[in-house]
Amino acid sequence: MSVVSKNTQEVADRIRVARKTKKVTQLELAAAIGIDRSSLAKMELGKMEFTLGRVLAIVEFLNIDPASLFSNDNITEGKNG
């Protein structure tokens, strides 16, 4: 397993915060994006990188603005929120 970059870890942290803010469990999000819970946990901990496809599936499921994962601003709702 590779070590993820600082930027990747920041995105992972923002995804975890967004998931918890939406009151979604790791199990629920993992099932929604087609992976197992342990893989999502590794991604959130920075032990495994997110693919672009996974990030897009996550932002769609959580209904958040993808840009908010890559900025220092608060996580914002997506177009449908």
PDB file of N, CA and C in Angstrom:
ATOM      1  N   MET A   1       0.827  -1.176   0.000  1.00  0.00           N
ATOM      2  CA  MET A   1       0.000   0.000   0.000  1.00  0.00           C
ATOM      3  C   MET A   1       0.874   1.243   0.000  1.00  0.00           C
ATOM      4  N   SER A   2       0.467   2.230  -0.774  1.00  0.00           N
ATOM      5  CA  SER A   2       1.257   3.447  -0.836  1.00  0.00           C
ATOM      6  C   SER A   2       0.775   4.463   0.189  1.00  0.00           C
ATOM      7  N   VAL A   3       1.673   5.359   0.520  1.00  0.00           N
ATOM      8  CA  VAL A   3       1.318   6.458   1.407  1.00  0.00           C
ATOM      9  C   VAL A   3       0.681   7.535   0.537  1.00  0.00           C
ATOM     10  N   VAL A   4      -0.426   8.089   0.969  1.00  0.00           N
ATOM     11  CA  VAL A   4      -1.105   9.110   0.181  1.00  0.00           C
ATOM     12  C   VAL A   4      -0.513  10.480   0.465  1.00  0.00           C
ATOM     13  N   SER A   5      -0.686  11.377  -0.490  1.00  0.00           N
ATOM     14  CA  SER A   5      -0.158  12.728  -0.328  1.00  0.00           C
ATOM     15  C   SER A   5      -0.977  13.511   0.689  1.00  0.00           C
ATOM     16  N   LYS A   6      -0.417  14.636   1.109  1.00  0.00           N
ATOM     17  CA  LYS A   6      -1.117  15.510   2.055  1.00  0.00           C
ATOM     18  C   LYS A   6      -2.436  15.986   1.467  1.00  0.00           C
ATOM     19  N   ASN A   7      -2.442  16.336   0.178  1.00  0.00           N
ATOM     20  CA  ASN A   7      -3.674  16.794  -0.464  1.00  0.00           C
ATOM     21  C   ASN A   7      -4.732  15.699  -0.501  1.00  0.00           C
ATOM     22  N   THR A   8      -4.303  14.479  -0.786  1.00  0.00           N
ATOM     23  CA  THR A   8      -5.233  13.356  -0.811  1.00  0.00           C
ATOM     24  C   THR A   8      -5.818  13.133   0.579  1.00  0.00           C
ATOM     25  N   GLN A   9      -4.994  13.261   1.616  1.00  0.00           N
ATOM     26  CA  GLN A   9      -5.485  13.081   2.983  1.00  0.00           C
ATOM     27  C   GLN A   9      -6.475  14.177   3.338  1.00  0.00           C
ATOM     28  N   GLU A  10      -6.238  15.398   2.873  1.00  0.00           N
ATOM     29  CA  GLU A  10      -7.178  16.489   3.137  1.00  0.00           C
ATOM     30  C   GLU A  10      -8.533  16.213   2.485  1.00  0.00           C
ATOM     31  N   VAL A  11      -8.522  15.684   1.270  1.00  0.00           N
ATOM     32  CA  VAL A  11      -9.775  15.324   0.597  1.00  0.00           C
ATOM     33  C   VAL A  11     -10.463  14.207   1.374  1.00  0.00           C
ATOM     34  N   ALA A  12      -9.700  13.219   1.804  1.00  0.00           N
ATOM     35  CA  ALA A  12     -10.264  12.108   2.580  1.00  0.00           C
ATOM     36  C   ALA A  12     -10.902  12.623   3.867  1.00  0.00           C
ATOM     37  N   ASP A  13     -10.220  13.563   4.529  1.00  0.00           N
ATOM     38  CA  ASP A  13     -10.767  14.134   5.759  1.00  0.00           C
ATOM     39  C   ASP A  13     -12.071  14.875   5.483  1.00  0.00           C
ATOM     40  N   ARG A  14     -12.117  15.615   4.369  1.00  0.00           N
ATOM     41  CA  ARG A  14     -13.328  16.364   4.018  1.00  0.00           C
ATOM     42  C   ARG A  14     -14.479  15.413   3.674  1.00  0.00           C
ATOM     43  N   ILE A  15     -14.158  14.307   3.023  1.00  0.00           N
ATOM     44  CA  ILE A  15     -15.189  13.314   2.718  1.00  0.00           C
ATOM     45  C   ILE A  15     -15.752  12.733   4.014  1.00  0.00           C
ATOM     46  N   ARG A  16     -14.867  12.414   4.951  1.00  0.00           N
ATOM     47  CA  ARG A  16     -15.314  11.870   6.240  1.00  0.00           C
ATOM     48  C   ARG A  16     -16.212  12.868   6.974  1.00  0.00           C
ATOM     49  N   VAL A  17     -15.805  14.142   6.984  1.00  0.00           N
ATOM     50  CA  VAL A  17     -16.607  15.181   7.638  1.00  0.00           C
ATOM     51  C   VAL A  17     -17.971  15.306   6.957  1.00  0.00           C
ATOM     52  N   ALA A  18     -17.980  15.316   5.630  1.00  0.00           N
ATOM     53  CA  ALA A  18     -19.249  15.427   4.892  1.00  0.00           C
ATOM     54  C   ALA A  18     -20.150  14.237   5.194  1.00  0.00           C
ATOM     55  N   ARG A  19     -19.558  13.041   5.224  1.00  0.00           N
ATOM     56  CA  ARG A  19     -20.338  11.831   5.501  1.00  0.00           C
ATOM     57  C   ARG A  19     -20.971  11.907   6.889  1.00  0.00           C
ATOM     58  N   LYS A  20     -20.169  12.314   7.867  1.00  0.00           N
ATOM     59  CA  LYS A  20     -20.676  12.394   9.235  1.00  0.00           C
ATOM     60  C   LYS A  20     -21.706  13.511   9.382  1.00  0.00           C
ATOM     61  N   THR A  21     -21.490  14.631   8.705  1.00  0.00           N
ATOM     62  CA  THR A  21     -22.444  15.741   8.745  1.00  0.00           C
ATOM     63  C   THR A  21     -23.797  15.308   8.198  1.00  0.00           C
ATOM     64  N   LYS A  22     -23.762  14.473   7.154  1.00  0.00           N
ATOM     65  CA  LYS A  22     -24.999  13.974   6.551  1.00  0.00           C
ATOM     66  C   LYS A  22     -25.573  12.784   7.317  1.00  0.00           C
ATOM     67  N   LYS A  23     -24.889  12.397   8.404  1.00  0.00           N
ATOM     68  CA  LYS A  23     -25.316  11.268   9.231  1.00  0.00           C
ATOM     69  C   LYS A  23     -25.422   9.960   8.425  1.00  0.00           C
ATOM     70  N   VAL A  24     -24.402   9.741   7.605  1.00  0.00           N
ATOM     71  CA  VAL A  24     -24.308   8.540   6.790  1.00  0.00           C
ATOM     72  C   VAL A  24     -23.188   7.681   7.366  1.00  0.00           C
ATOM     73  N   THR A  25     -23.451   6.406   7.555  1.00  0.00           N
ATOM     74  CA  THR A  25     -22.418   5.512   8.073  1.00  0.00           C
ATOM     75  C   THR A  25     -21.465   5.099   6.955  1.00  0.00           C
ATOM     76  N   GLN A  26     -20.306   4.601   7.352  1.00  0.00           N
ATOM     77  CA  GLN A  26     -19.371   4.070   6.359  1.00  0.00           C
ATOM     78  C   GLN A  26     -20.022   2.942   5.581  1.00  0.00           C
ATOM     79  N   LEU A  27     -20.772   2.111   6.258  1.00  0.00           N
ATOM     80  CA  LEU A  27     -21.429   0.986   5.600  1.00  0.00           C
ATOM     81  C   LEU A  27     -22.416   1.467   4.535  1.00  0.00           C
ATOM     82  N   GLU A  28     -23.207   2.480   4.865  1.00  0.00           N
ATOM     83  CA  GLU A  28     -24.184   3.017   3.912  1.00  0.00           C
ATOM     84  C   GLU A  28     -23.494   3.634   2.691  1.00  0.00           C
ATOM     85  N   LEU A  29     -22.460   4.437   2.933  1.00  0.00           N
ATOM     86  CA  LEU A  29     -21.767   5.076   1.822  1.00  0.00           C
ATOM     87  C   LEU A  29     -21.034   4.042   0.975  1.00  0.00           C
ATOM     88  N   ALA A  30     -20.378   3.108   1.611  1.00  0.00           N
ATOM     89  CA  ALA A  30     -19.653   2.078   0.872  1.00  0.00           C
ATOM     90  C   ALA A  30     -20.601   1.289  -0.029  1.00  0.00           C
ATOM     91  N   ALA A  31     -21.753   0.905   0.505  1.00  0.00           N
ATOM     92  CA  ALA A  31     -22.726   0.162  -0.300  1.00  0.00           C
ATOM     93  C   ALA A  31     -23.211   1.002  -1.478  1.00  0.00           C
ATOM     94  N   ALA A  32     -23.413   2.287  -1.239  1.00  0.00           N
ATOM     95  CA  ALA A  32     -23.921   3.172  -2.289  1.00  0.00           C
ATOM     96  C   ALA A  32     -22.925   3.351  -3.438  1.00  0.00           C
ATOM     97  N   ILE A  33     -21.625   3.284  -3.125  1.00  0.00           N
ATOM     98  CA  ILE A  33     -20.628   3.498  -4.175  1.00  0.00           C
ATOM     99  C   ILE A  33     -19.985   2.191  -4.655  1.00  0.00           C
ATOM    100  N   GLY A  34     -20.460   1.071  -4.124  1.00  0.00           N
ATOM    101  CA  GLY A  34     -20.041  -0.227  -4.640  1.00  0.00           C
ATOM    102  C   GLY A  34     -18.715  -0.761  -4.130  1.00  0.00           C
ATOM    103  N   ILE A  35     -18.369  -0.424  -2.893  1.00  0.00           N
ATOM    104  CA  ILE A  35     -17.163  -0.989  -2.280  1.00  0.00           C
ATOM    105  C   ILE A  35     -17.517  -1.518  -0.897  1.00  0.00           C
ATOM    106  N   ASP A  36     -16.585  -2.235  -0.279  1.00  0.00           N
ATOM    107  CA  ASP A  36     -16.874  -2.709   1.077  1.00  0.00           C
ATOM    108  C   ASP A  36     -16.471  -1.641   2.098  1.00  0.00           C
ATOM    109  N   ARG A  37     -17.020  -1.759   3.286  1.00  0.00           N
ATOM    110  CA  ARG A  37     -16.812  -0.763   4.335  1.00  0.00           C
ATOM    111  C   ARG A  37     -15.335  -0.627   4.699  1.00  0.00           C
ATOM    112  N   SER A  38     -14.623  -1.737   4.730  1.00  0.00           N
ATOM    113  CA  SER A  38     -13.216  -1.670   5.114  1.00  0.00           C
ATOM    114  C   SER A  38     -12.391  -0.874   4.101  1.00  0.00           C
ATOM    115  N   SER A  39     -12.737  -0.947   2.834  1.00  0.00           N
ATOM    116  CA  SER A  39     -12.035  -0.153   1.820  1.00  0.00           C
ATOM    117  C   SER A  39     -12.305   1.330   2.028  1.00  0.00           C
ATOM    118  N   LEU A  40     -13.551   1.683   2.319  1.00  0.00           N
ATOM    119  CA  LEU A  40     -13.882   3.080   2.578  1.00  0.00           C
ATOM    120  C   LEU A  40     -13.139   3.570   3.820  1.00  0.00           C
ATOM    121  N   ALA A  41     -13.085   2.746   4.847  1.00  0.00           N
ATOM    122  CA  ALA A  41     -12.358   3.126   6.070  1.00  0.00           C
ATOM    123  C   ALA A  41     -10.891   3.393   5.759  1.00  0.00           C
ATOM    124  N   LYS A  42     -10.267   2.551   4.948  1.00  0.00           N
ATOM    125  CA  LYS A  42      -8.865   2.749   4.566  1.00  0.00           C
ATOM    126  C   LYS A  42      -8.699   4.050   3.795  1.00  0.00           C
ATOM    127  N   MET A  43      -9.649   4.343   2.924  1.00  0.00           N
ATOM    128  CA  MET A  43      -9.579   5.591   2.159  1.00  0.00           C
ATOM    129  C   MET A  43      -9.679   6.791   3.085  1.00  0.00           C
ATOM    130  N   GLU A  44     -10.615   6.746   4.014  1.00  0.00           N
ATOM    131  CA  GLU A  44     -10.788   7.867   4.945  1.00  0.00           C
ATOM    132  C   GLU A  44      -9.585   8.041   5.861  1.00  0.00           C
ATOM    133  N   LEU A  45      -8.873   6.972   6.140  1.00  0.00           N
ATOM    134  CA  LEU A  45      -7.692   7.028   7.002  1.00  0.00           C
ATOM    135  C   LEU A  45      -6.410   7.350   6.225  1.00  0.00           C
ATOM    136  N   GLY A  46      -6.521   7.444   4.904  1.00  0.00           N
ATOM    137  CA  GLY A  46      -5.354   7.744   4.092  1.00  0.00           C
ATOM    138  C   GLY A  46      -4.469   6.560   3.801  1.00  0.00           C
ATOM    139  N   LYS A  47      -4.989   5.373   3.975  1.00  0.00           N
ATOM    140  CA  LYS A  47      -4.216   4.164   3.697  1.00  0.00           C
ATOM    141  C   LYS A  47      -4.466   3.636   2.287  1.00  0.00           C
ATOM    142  N   MET A  48      -5.411   4.263   1.603  1.00  0.00           N
ATOM    143  CA  MET A  48      -5.778   3.844   0.251  1.00  0.00           C
ATOM    144  C   MET A  48      -6.328   5.077  -0.463  1.00  0.00           C
ATOM    145  N   GLU A  49      -5.947   5.278  -1.719  1.00  0.00           N
ATOM    146  CA  GLU A  49      -6.383   6.470  -2.434  1.00  0.00           C
ATOM    147  C   GLU A  49      -7.771   6.292  -3.041  1.00  0.00           C
ATOM    148  N   PHE A  50      -8.484   7.399  -3.140  1.00  0.00           N
ATOM    149  CA  PHE A  50      -9.767   7.438  -3.826  1.00  0.00           C
ATOM    150  C   PHE A  50      -9.516   7.560  -5.322  1.00  0.00           C
ATOM    151  N   THR A  51     -10.295   6.867  -6.135  1.00  0.00           N
ATOM    152  CA  THR A  51     -10.245   7.096  -7.572  1.00  0.00           C
ATOM    153  C   THR A  51     -11.190   8.245  -7.893  1.00  0.00           C
ATOM    154  N   LEU A  52     -11.026   8.850  -9.045  1.00  0.00           N
ATOM    155  CA  LEU A  52     -11.911   9.928  -9.452  1.00  0.00           C
ATOM    156  C   LEU A  52     -13.354   9.439  -9.507  1.00  0.00           C
ATOM    157  N   GLY A  53     -13.551   8.228 -10.012  1.00  0.00           N
ATOM    158  CA  GLY A  53     -14.898   7.657 -10.075  1.00  0.00           C
ATOM    159  C   GLY A  53     -15.532   7.524  -8.702  1.00  0.00           C
ATOM    160  N   ARG A  54     -14.751   7.117  -7.727  1.00  0.00           N
ATOM    161  CA  ARG A  54     -15.263   6.984  -6.355  1.00  0.00           C
ATOM    162  C   ARG A  54     -15.623   8.359  -5.781  1.00  0.00           C
ATOM    163  N   VAL A  55     -14.754   9.348  -6.015  1.00  0.00           N
ATOM    164  CA  VAL A  55     -15.043  10.694  -5.516  1.00  0.00           C
ATOM    165  C   VAL A  55     -16.342  11.206  -6.122  1.00  0.00           C
ATOM    166  N   LEU A  56     -16.512  11.013  -7.423  1.00  0.00           N
ATOM    167  CA  LEU A  56     -17.742  11.470  -8.081  1.00  0.00           C
ATOM    168  C   LEU A  56     -18.971  10.752  -7.533  1.00  0.00           C
ATOM    169  N   ALA A  57     -18.853   9.461  -7.278  1.00  0.00           N
ATOM    170  CA  ALA A  57     -19.974   8.707  -6.703  1.00  0.00           C
ATOM    171  C   ALA A  57     -20.288   9.204  -5.291  1.00  0.00           C
ATOM    172  N   ILE A  58     -19.261   9.520  -4.528  1.00  0.00           N
ATOM    173  CA  ILE A  58     -19.456  10.010  -3.161  1.00  0.00           C
ATOM    174  C   ILE A  58     -20.153  11.361  -3.166  1.00  0.00           C
ATOM    175  N   VAL A  59     -19.671  12.297  -3.991  1.00  0.00           N
ATOM    176  CA  VAL A  59     -20.295  13.626  -3.997  1.00  0.00           C
ATOM    177  C   VAL A  59     -21.734  13.552  -4.480  1.00  0.00           C
ATOM    178  N   GLU A  60     -21.997  12.647  -5.414  1.00  0.00           N
ATOM    179  CA  GLU A  60     -23.375  12.483  -5.883  1.00  0.00           C
ATOM    180  C   GLU A  60     -24.254  11.920  -4.774  1.00  0.00           C
ATOM    181  N   PHE A  61     -23.790  10.884  -4.094  1.00  0.00           N
ATOM    182  CA  PHE A  61     -24.590  10.265  -3.038  1.00  0.00           C
ATOM    183  C   PHE A  61     -24.815  11.226  -1.869  1.00  0.00           C
ATOM    184  N   LEU A  62     -23.764  11.951  -1.478  1.00  0.00           N
ATOM    185  CA  LEU A  62     -23.877  12.867  -0.341  1.00  0.00           C
ATOM    186  C   LEU A  62     -24.479  14.221  -0.747  1.00  0.00           C
ATOM    187  N   ASN A  63     -24.646  14.430  -2.042  1.00  0.00           N
ATOM    188  CA  ASN A  63     -25.178  15.679  -2.579  1.00  0.00           C
ATOM    189  C   ASN A  63     -24.379  16.884  -2.087  1.00  0.00           C
ATOM    190  N   ILE A  64     -23.067  16.821  -2.348  1.00  0.00           N
ATOM    191  CA  ILE A  64     -22.192  17.933  -1.989  1.00  0.00           C
ATOM    192  C   ILE A  64     -21.511  18.449  -3.254  1.00  0.00           C
ATOM    193  N   ASP A  65     -21.064  19.685  -3.197  1.00  0.00           N
ATOM    194  CA  ASP A  65     -20.353  20.300  -4.310  1.00  0.00           C
ATOM    195  C   ASP A  65     -18.950  19.702  -4.381  1.00  0.00           C
ATOM    196  N   PRO A  66     -18.576  19.093  -5.512  1.00  0.00           N
ATOM    197  CA  PRO A  66     -17.248  18.486  -5.609  1.00  0.00           C
ATOM    198  C   PRO A  66     -16.116  19.470  -5.309  1.00  0.00           C
ATOM    199  N   ALA A  67     -16.280  20.718  -5.702  1.00  0.00           N
ATOM    200  CA  ALA A  67     -15.235  21.716  -5.478  1.00  0.00           C
ATOM    201  C   ALA A  67     -14.961  21.918  -3.990  1.00  0.00           C
ATOM    202  N   SER A  68     -15.975  21.707  -3.156  1.00  0.00           N
ATOM    203  CA  SER A  68     -15.785  21.922  -1.718  1.00  0.00           C
ATOM    204  C   SER A  68     -14.828  20.900  -1.096  1.00  0.00           C
ATOM    205  N   LEU A  69     -14.567  19.802  -1.791  1.00  0.00           N
ATOM    206  CA  LEU A  69     -13.610  18.823  -1.289  1.00  0.00           C
ATOM    207  C   LEU A  69     -12.171  19.278  -1.509  1.00  0.00           C
ATOM    208  N   PHE A  70     -11.997  20.256  -2.398  1.00  0.00           N
ATOM    209  CA  PHE A  70     -10.661  20.682  -2.780  1.00  0.00           C
ATOM    210  C   PHE A  70     -10.352  22.121  -2.388  1.00  0.00           C
ATOM    211  N   SER A  71     -11.174  22.708  -1.529  1.00  0.00           N
ATOM    212  CA  SER A  71     -10.947  24.085  -1.101  1.00  0.00           C
ATOM    213  C   SER A  71     -10.907  24.152   0.418  1.00  0.00           C
ATOM    214  N   ASN A  72     -10.541  25.292   0.936  1.00  0.00           N
ATOM    215  CA  ASN A  72     -10.492  25.476   2.373  1.00  0.00           C
ATOM    216  C   ASN A  72     -11.816  25.970   2.938  1.00  0.00           C
ATOM    217  N   ASP A  73     -12.797  26.154   2.063  1.00  0.00           N
ATOM    218  CA  ASP A  73     -14.113  26.609   2.493  1.00  0.00           C
ATOM    219  C   ASP A  73     -14.887  25.441   3.098  1.00  0.00           C
ATOM    220  N   ASN A  74     -16.016  25.754   3.701  1.00  0.00           N
ATOM    221  CA  ASN A  74     -16.876  24.714   4.243  1.00  0.00           C
ATOM    222  C   ASN A  74     -17.443  23.869   3.123  1.00  0.00           C
ATOM    223  N   ILE A  75     -17.786  22.645   3.430  1.00  0.00           N
ATOM    224  CA  ILE A  75     -18.401  21.759   2.461  1.00  0.00           C
ATOM    225  C   ILE A  75     -19.799  22.272   2.183  1.00  0.00           C
ATOM    226  N   THR A  76     -20.121  22.383   0.898  1.00  0.00           N
ATOM    227  CA  THR A  76     -21.415  22.945   0.512  1.00  0.00           C
ATOM    228  C   THR A  76     -22.269  21.909  -0.197  1.00  0.00           C
ATOM    229  N   GLU A  77     -23.563  22.185  -0.189  1.00  0.00           N
ATOM    230  CA  GLU A  77     -24.516  21.306  -0.868  1.00  0.00           C
ATOM    231  C   GLU A  77     -24.271  21.316  -2.368  1.00  0.00           C
ATOM    232  N   GLY A  78     -24.653  20.229  -3.012  1.00  0.00           N
ATOM    233  CA  GLY A  78     -24.577  20.150  -4.451  1.00  0.00           C
ATOM    234  C   GLY A  78     -25.749  20.880  -5.084  1.00  0.00           C
ATOM    235  N   LYS A  79     -25.882  20.744  -6.388  1.00  0.00           N
ATOM    236  CA  LYS A  79     -26.928  21.429  -7.144  1.00  0.00           C
ATOM    237  C   LYS A  79     -28.316  21.058  -6.679  1.00  0.00           C
ATOM    238  N   ASN A  80     -28.501  19.828  -6.223  1.00  0.00           N
ATOM    239  CA  ASN A  80     -29.823  19.343  -5.837  1.00  0.00           C
ATOM    240  C   ASN A  80     -30.157  19.618  -4.382  1.00  0.00           C
ATOM    241  N   GLY A  81     -29.288  20.319  -3.661  1.00  0.00           N
ATOM    242  CA  GLY A  81     -29.500  20.500  -2.228  1.00  0.00           C
ATOM    243  C   GLY A  81     -29.872  21.810  -1.856  1.00  0.00           C
TER     244      GLY A  81
END
